[in-house]
C-alpha atoms as a PDB file:
ATOM      1  CA  MET A   1      11.328 -12.679  -5.998  1.00  0.00           C
ATOM      2  CA  PRO A   2       9.383 -10.604  -3.450  1.00  0.00           C
ATOM      3  CA  ASP A   3       7.490 -12.244  -0.645  1.00  0.00           C
ATOM      4  CA  LYS A   4       4.616  -9.753  -0.495  1.00  0.00           C
ATOM      5  CA  VAL A   5       3.126  -6.678  -2.112  1.00  0.00           C
ATOM      6  CA  ILE A   6       2.155  -3.920   0.330  1.00  0.00           C
ATOM      7  CA  ASP A   7      -0.377  -1.194  -0.338  1.00  0.00           C
ATOM      8  CA  ALA A   8      -0.695   2.350   0.978  1.00  0.00           C
ATOM      9  CA  SER A   9      -3.328   1.498   3.593  1.00  0.00           C
ATOM     10  CA  ALA A  10      -1.095  -1.091   5.230  1.00  0.00           C
ATOM     11  CA  LEU A  11       2.063   0.988   5.097  1.00  0.00           C
ATOM     12  CA  ALA A  12       0.220   4.081   6.356  1.00  0.00           C
ATOM     13  CA  ALA A  13      -0.709   2.108   9.469  1.00  0.00           C
ATOM     14  CA  ILE A  14       2.989   1.661  10.195  1.00  0.00           C
ATOM     15  CA  LEU A  15       4.184   5.125   9.199  1.00  0.00           C
ATOM     16  CA  PHE A  16       1.476   7.030  11.040  1.00  0.00           C
ATOM     17  CA  ALA A  17       1.124   4.766  14.104  1.00  0.00           C
ATOM     18  CA  GLU A  18      -2.421   3.704  13.314  1.00  0.00           C
ATOM     19  CA  PRO A  19      -4.223   1.014  15.355  1.00  0.00           C
ATOM     20  CA  ASP A  20      -3.345  -1.893  13.028  1.00  0.00           C
ATOM     21  CA  ALA A  21       0.370  -1.036  12.867  1.00  0.00           C
ATOM     22  CA  ASP A  22       1.427  -4.000  15.039  1.00  0.00           C
ATOM     23  CA  VAL A  23      -0.566  -6.454  12.915  1.00  0.00           C
ATOM     24  CA  ILE A  24       1.020  -5.143   9.710  1.00  0.00           C
ATOM     25  CA  LEU A  25       4.510  -5.130  11.250  1.00  0.00           C
ATOM     26  CA  GLU A  26       4.091  -8.790  12.106  1.00  0.00           C
ATOM     27  CA  MET A  27       2.947  -9.553   8.550  1.00  0.00           C
ATOM     28  CA  VAL A  28       5.980  -7.875   6.974  1.00  0.00           C
ATOM     29  CA  LYS A  29       8.580  -9.206   9.383  1.00  0.00           C
ATOM     30  CA  ASN A  30      11.382 -11.000   7.506  1.00  0.00           C
ATOM     31  CA  THR A  31       9.798 -10.426   4.099  1.00  0.00           C
ATOM     32  CA  THR A  32      10.836  -8.737   0.906  1.00  0.00           C
ATOM     33  CA  LEU A  33       8.304  -6.083  -0.097  1.00  0.00           C
ATOM     34  CA  SER A  34       7.233  -4.749  -3.473  1.00  0.00           C
ATOM     35  CA  ALA A  35       4.766  -2.055  -4.448  1.00  0.00           C
ATOM     36  CA  PRO A  36       3.703  -0.088  -7.497  1.00  0.00           C
ATOM     37  CA  SER A  37       5.805   3.015  -8.034  1.00  0.00           C
ATOM     38  CA  LEU A  38       2.795   5.141  -7.069  1.00  0.00           C
ATOM     39  CA  LEU A  39       3.090   4.136  -3.399  1.00  0.00           C
ATOM     40  CA  PRO A  40       5.176   7.123  -2.186  1.00  0.00           C
ATOM     41  CA  TYR A  41       2.743   9.548  -3.831  1.00  0.00           C
ATOM     42  CA  GLU A  42      -0.241   7.886  -2.209  1.00  0.00           C
ATOM     43  CA  LEU A  43       1.453   7.995   1.177  1.00  0.00           C
ATOM     44  CA  SER A  44       2.358  11.655   0.670  1.00  0.00           C
ATOM     45  CA  ASN A  45      -1.321  12.339   0.049  1.00  0.00           C
ATOM     46  CA  VAL A  46      -2.330  10.382   3.161  1.00  0.00           C
ATOM     47  CA  CYS A  47       0.157  12.456   5.153  1.00  0.00           C
ATOM     48  CA  LEU A  48      -1.214  15.704   3.726  1.00  0.00           C
ATOM     49  CA  GLN A  49      -4.800  14.717   4.551  1.00  0.00           C
ATOM     50  CA  LYS A  50      -3.777  13.875   8.110  1.00  0.00           C
ATOM     51  CA  ILE A  51      -1.929  17.193   8.472  1.00  0.00           C
ATOM     52  CA  ARG A  52      -5.010  19.066   7.289  1.00  0.00           C
ATOM     53  CA  ARG A  53      -7.172  17.241   9.852  1.00  0.00           C
ATOM     54  CA  HIS A  54      -4.619  17.496  12.669  1.00  0.00           C
ATOM     55  CA  PRO A  55      -2.263  20.445  12.048  1.00  0.00           C
ATOM     56  CA  SER A  56      -0.816  20.141  15.553  1.00  0.00           C
ATOM     57  CA  LYS A  57       0.569  16.693  14.620  1.00  0.00           C
ATOM     58  CA  ARG A  58       2.388  17.941  11.507  1.00  0.00           C
ATOM     59  CA  ALA A  59       5.928  17.242  12.749  1.00  0.00           C
ATOM     60  CA  MET A  60       5.048  13.703  13.830  1.00  0.00           C
ATOM     61  CA  LEU A  61       3.279  12.981  10.531  1.00  0.00           C
ATOM     62  CA  ILE A  62       6.172  14.302   8.440  1.00  0.00           C
ATOM     63  CA  GLN A  63       8.552  12.185  10.518  1.00  0.00           C
ATOM     64  CA  GLY A  64       6.357   9.154   9.830  1.00  0.00           C
ATOM     65  CA  LEU A  65       6.413   9.838   6.108  1.00  0.00           C
ATOM     66  CA  ASP A  66      10.188  10.237   6.225  1.00  0.00           C
ATOM     67  CA  PHE A  67      10.448   6.743   7.745  1.00  0.00           C
ATOM     68  CA  LEU A  68       9.341   5.429   4.341  1.00  0.00           C
ATOM     69  CA  THR A  69      12.895   6.083   3.104  1.00  0.00           C
ATOM     70  CA  GLN A  70      14.189   3.524   5.612  1.00  0.00           C
ATOM     71  CA  ILE A  71      11.903   0.702   4.507  1.00  0.00           C
ATOM     72  CA  ARG A  72      13.276  -1.490   1.751  1.00  0.00           C
ATOM     73  CA  ILE A  73      10.610  -1.721  -0.932  1.00  0.00           C
ATOM     74  CA  THR A  74      11.108  -2.640  -4.564  1.00  0.00           C
ATOM     75  CA  TYR A  75       9.053  -0.241  -6.659  1.00  0.00           C
ATOM     76  CA  CYS A  76       7.598  -1.713  -9.829  1.00  0.00           C
ATOM     77  CA  GLU A  77       5.937  -0.353 -12.911  1.00  0.00           C
ATOM     78  CA  VAL A  78       2.428  -1.617 -13.513  1.00  0.00           C
ATOM     79  CA  ASN A  79       0.615  -2.441 -16.735  1.00  0.00           C
ATOM     80  CA  SER A  80      -1.949   0.370 -16.911  1.00  0.00           C
ATOM     81  CA  ILE A  81      -4.322  -1.365 -19.319  1.00  0.00           C
ATOM     82  CA  GLU A  82      -4.445  -4.573 -17.307  1.00  0.00           C
ATOM     83  CA  SER A  83      -4.869  -2.551 -14.089  1.00  0.00           C
ATOM     84  CA  VAL A  84      -7.828  -0.693 -15.570  1.00  0.00           C
ATOM     85  CA  GLU A  85      -9.355  -4.017 -16.586  1.00  0.00           C
ATOM     86  CA  LEU A  86      -8.910  -5.343 -13.040  1.00  0.00           C
ATOM     87  CA  ALA A  87     -10.423  -2.132 -11.682  1.00  0.00           C
ATOM     88  CA  GLU A  88     -13.449  -2.535 -13.949  1.00  0.00           C
ATOM     89  CA  GLN A  89     -13.930  -6.196 -13.076  1.00  0.00           C
ATOM     90  CA  ASN A  90     -13.640  -5.621  -9.335  1.00  0.00           C
ATOM     91  CA  ALA A  91     -15.147  -2.138  -8.863  1.00  0.00           C
ATOM     92  CA  LEU A  92     -11.817  -0.747  -7.642  1.00  0.00           C
ATOM     93  CA  THR A  93      -9.977   2.486  -8.234  1.00  0.00           C
ATOM     94  CA  ALA A  94      -7.155   2.290 -10.745  1.00  0.00           C
ATOM     95  CA  TYR A  95      -4.764   2.912  -7.855  1.00  0.00           C
ATOM     96  CA  ASP A  96      -6.011  -0.070  -5.857  1.00  0.00           C
ATOM     97  CA  ALA A  97      -6.081  -2.235  -8.959  1.00  0.00           C
ATOM     98  CA  ALA A  98      -2.379  -1.468  -9.480  1.00  0.00           C
ATOM     99  CA  TYR A  99      -1.565  -3.240  -6.192  1.00  0.00           C
ATOM    100  CA  LEU A 100      -3.806  -6.135  -7.113  1.00  0.00           C
ATOM    101  CA  TRP A 101      -2.221  -6.408 -10.566  1.00  0.00           C
ATOM    102  CA  LEU A 102       1.275  -6.429  -9.088  1.00  0.00           C
ATOM    103  CA  ALA A 103       0.472  -9.075  -6.480  1.00  0.00           C
ATOM    104  CA  ASN A 104      -1.144 -11.230  -9.129  1.00  0.00           C
ATOM    105  CA  THR A 105       1.740 -10.746 -11.574  1.00  0.00           C
ATOM    106  CA  LEU A 106       4.388 -11.492  -8.934  1.00  0.00           C
ATOM    107  CA  ASP A 107       2.273 -14.357  -7.574  1.00  0.00           C
ATOM    108  CA  CYS A 108       2.549 -13.208  -3.992  1.00  0.00           C
ATOM    109  CA  PRO A 109       0.180 -12.104  -1.237  1.00  0.00           C
ATOM    110  CA  LEU A 110      -1.116  -8.554  -1.001  1.00  0.00           C
ATOM    111  CA  ILE A 111      -0.963  -6.848   2.384  1.00  0.00           C
ATOM    112  CA  THR A 112      -3.805  -4.345   2.672  1.00  0.00           C
ATOM    113  CA  LEU A 113      -6.195  -2.945   5.243  1.00  0.00           C
ATOM    114  CA  ASP A 114      -8.643  -2.012   2.501  1.00  0.00           C
ATOM    115  CA  ARG A 115     -11.548  -4.468   2.789  1.00  0.00           C
ATOM    116  CA  LYS A 116     -12.722  -4.007  -0.770  1.00  0.00           C
ATOM    117  CA  LEU A 117      -9.226  -4.562  -2.146  1.00  0.00           C
ATOM    118  CA  ALA A 118      -8.682  -7.595   0.099  1.00  0.00           C
ATOM    119  CA  LYS A 119     -11.948  -9.086  -1.123  1.00  0.00           C
ATOM    120  CA  ALA A 120     -10.908  -8.535  -4.747  1.00  0.00           C
ATOM    121  CA  ALA A 121      -7.526 -10.141  -4.027  1.00  0.00           C
ATOM    122  CA  ARG A 122      -9.218 -13.255  -2.668  1.00  0.00           C
ATOM    123  CA  LYS A 123     -11.368 -13.382  -5.795  1.00  0.00           C
ATOM    124  CA  VAL A 124      -8.515 -12.882  -8.285  1.00  0.00           C
ATOM    125  CA  TYR A 125      -6.027 -15.371  -6.812  1.00  0.00           C
END
């Protein structure tokens, strides 16, 4: 069983050397990670947005995204209907609710830098 579910905001901090990267690295040390199967797509979009804002950093950002292939994460399918219900109940996007649903289903903590999602996680479990 996984130790923690990680979302795109937390993993982006690591991949793209954001300010909270060290905090997240400490939280994931010696843990088994899981995430919804949408995680790589979300991170690809984060990378693209960063490239558009900072074209001169393209090589570094692509290298950060490539590091995702070296991180052991179990990708899981999510129940779409139950995720939508969680999204409705907690005023989340369906994407964020997918992480919440998975953490709740696996009965493990959710690692996120998203305040709204973290608040919903505290409320749900």
